[in-house]
Amino acid sequence: MAITVPVIGIEPAELAWIRMLVVLLRHPDPVVPELTRQALLYLEAAAARSEASRDDPDIPAAGQG
């Protein structure tokens, strides 16, 4: 039986996505983890731009500039 560890801020519905992310990051083909890492960096930057655009209307939102 698997040992579970509660994580603050993770909703039960999000666990499937977290598991998929871990599977991709542990994939034996070295291209898959690297592509996953780059995708996460892209999403992080897009989220930061989106957050900044809410604070400053002069900054274009992700996908608009």
C-alpha atoms as a PDB file:
ATOM      1  CA  MET A   1       0.000   0.000   0.000  1.00  0.00           C
ATOM      2  CA  ALA A   2       1.284   3.458  -0.893  1.00  0.00           C
ATOM      3  CA  ILE A   3       2.117   5.903   1.850  1.00  0.00           C
ATOM      4  CA  THR A   4       0.351   9.224   1.348  1.00  0.00           C
ATOM      5  CA  VAL A   5       1.644  12.572   2.489  1.00  0.00           C
ATOM      6  CA  PRO A   6      -0.756  15.503   2.789  1.00  0.00           C
ATOM      7  CA  VAL A   7       0.408  18.620   0.982  1.00  0.00           C
ATOM      8  CA  ILE A   8      -1.024  21.995   1.878  1.00  0.00           C
ATOM      9  CA  GLY A   9      -2.486  23.748  -1.141  1.00  0.00           C
ATOM     10  CA  ILE A  10      -3.047  20.640  -3.279  1.00  0.00           C
ATOM     11  CA  GLU A  11      -6.671  19.822  -3.964  1.00  0.00           C
ATOM     12  CA  PRO A  12      -7.587  16.126  -4.320  1.00  0.00           C
ATOM     13  CA  ALA A  13      -8.684  16.756  -7.924  1.00  0.00           C
ATOM     14  CA  GLU A  14      -5.174  18.082  -8.728  1.00  0.00           C
ATOM     15  CA  LEU A  15      -3.376  14.919  -7.608  1.00  0.00           C
ATOM     16  CA  ALA A  16      -3.696  13.276 -11.020  1.00  0.00           C
ATOM     17  CA  TRP A  17      -1.894  16.253 -12.587  1.00  0.00           C
ATOM     18  CA  ILE A  18       0.871  16.123  -9.966  1.00  0.00           C
ATOM     19  CA  ARG A  19       1.305  12.396 -10.559  1.00  0.00           C
ATOM     20  CA  MET A  20       1.502  12.950 -14.335  1.00  0.00           C
ATOM     21  CA  LEU A  21       4.100  15.679 -13.819  1.00  0.00           C
ATOM     22  CA  VAL A  22       6.243  13.377 -11.675  1.00  0.00           C
ATOM     23  CA  VAL A  23       5.943  10.578 -14.271  1.00  0.00           C
ATOM     24  CA  LEU A  24       7.090  12.965 -17.017  1.00  0.00           C
ATOM     25  CA  LEU A  25       9.994  14.302 -14.944  1.00  0.00           C
ATOM     26  CA  ARG A  26      11.149  10.732 -14.152  1.00  0.00           C
ATOM     27  CA  HIS A  27      10.758   9.437 -17.718  1.00  0.00           C
ATOM     28  CA  PRO A  28      13.735   7.318 -18.880  1.00  0.00           C
ATOM     29  CA  ASP A  29      14.018   9.165 -22.211  1.00  0.00           C
ATOM     30  CA  PRO A  30      16.083  12.280 -21.332  1.00  0.00           C
ATOM     31  CA  VAL A  31      14.163  14.409 -23.830  1.00  0.00           C
ATOM     32  CA  VAL A  32      10.858  14.028 -21.979  1.00  0.00           C
ATOM     33  CA  PRO A  33      11.990  15.446 -18.597  1.00  0.00           C
ATOM     34  CA  GLU A  34      13.785  18.317 -20.338  1.00  0.00           C
ATOM     35  CA  LEU A  35      10.730  19.180 -22.441  1.00  0.00           C
ATOM     36  CA  THR A  36       8.580  19.004 -19.293  1.00  0.00           C
ATOM     37  CA  ARG A  37      10.977  21.328 -17.480  1.00  0.00           C
ATOM     38  CA  GLN A  38      10.914  23.823 -20.349  1.00  0.00           C
ATOM     39  CA  ALA A  39       7.109  23.699 -20.453  1.00  0.00           C
ATOM     40  CA  LEU A  40       6.957  24.433 -16.719  1.00  0.00           C
ATOM     41  CA  LEU A  41       9.310  27.394 -17.135  1.00  0.00           C
ATOM     42  CA  TYR A  42       7.147  28.718 -19.967  1.00  0.00           C
ATOM     43  CA  LEU A  43       3.974  28.357 -17.897  1.00  0.00           C
ATOM     44  CA  GLU A  44       5.619  30.060 -14.925  1.00  0.00           C
ATOM     45  CA  ALA A  45       6.676  33.023 -17.085  1.00  0.00           C
ATOM     46  CA  ALA A  46       3.234  33.243 -18.697  1.00  0.00           C
ATOM     47  CA  ALA A  47       1.560  33.231 -15.285  1.00  0.00           C
ATOM     48  CA  ALA A  48       3.909  35.959 -14.058  1.00  0.00           C
ATOM     49  CA  ARG A  49       3.127  38.095 -17.127  1.00  0.00           C
ATOM     50  CA  SER A  50      -0.581  37.524 -16.639  1.00  0.00           C
ATOM     51  CA  GLU A  51      -0.333  38.494 -12.971  1.00  0.00           C
ATOM     52  CA  ALA A  52       1.729  41.578 -13.813  1.00  0.00           C
ATOM     53  CA  SER A  53      -0.758  42.633 -16.500  1.00  0.00           C
ATOM     54  CA  ARG A  54      -3.536  42.632 -13.913  1.00  0.00           C
ATOM     55  CA  ASP A  55      -1.453  45.028 -11.838  1.00  0.00           C
ATOM     56  CA  ASP A  56      -0.214  47.175 -14.746  1.00  0.00           C
ATOM     57  CA  PRO A  57      -2.490  47.638 -17.790  1.00  0.00           C
ATOM     58  CA  ASP A  58       0.521  48.755 -19.921  1.00  0.00           C
ATOM     59  CA  ILE A  59       2.006  45.210 -19.808  1.00  0.00           C
ATOM     60  CA  PRO A  60       0.452  42.897 -22.432  1.00  0.00           C
ATOM     61  CA  ALA A  61      -1.057  39.693 -21.040  1.00  0.00           C
ATOM     62  CA  ALA A  62       0.331  36.323 -22.064  1.00  0.00           C
ATOM     63  CA  GLY A  63      -0.544  35.576 -25.667  1.00  0.00           C
ATOM     64  CA  GLN A  64      -1.334  39.232 -26.441  1.00  0.00           C
ATOM     65  CA  GLY A  65       2.089  40.627 -27.112  1.00  0.00           C
END
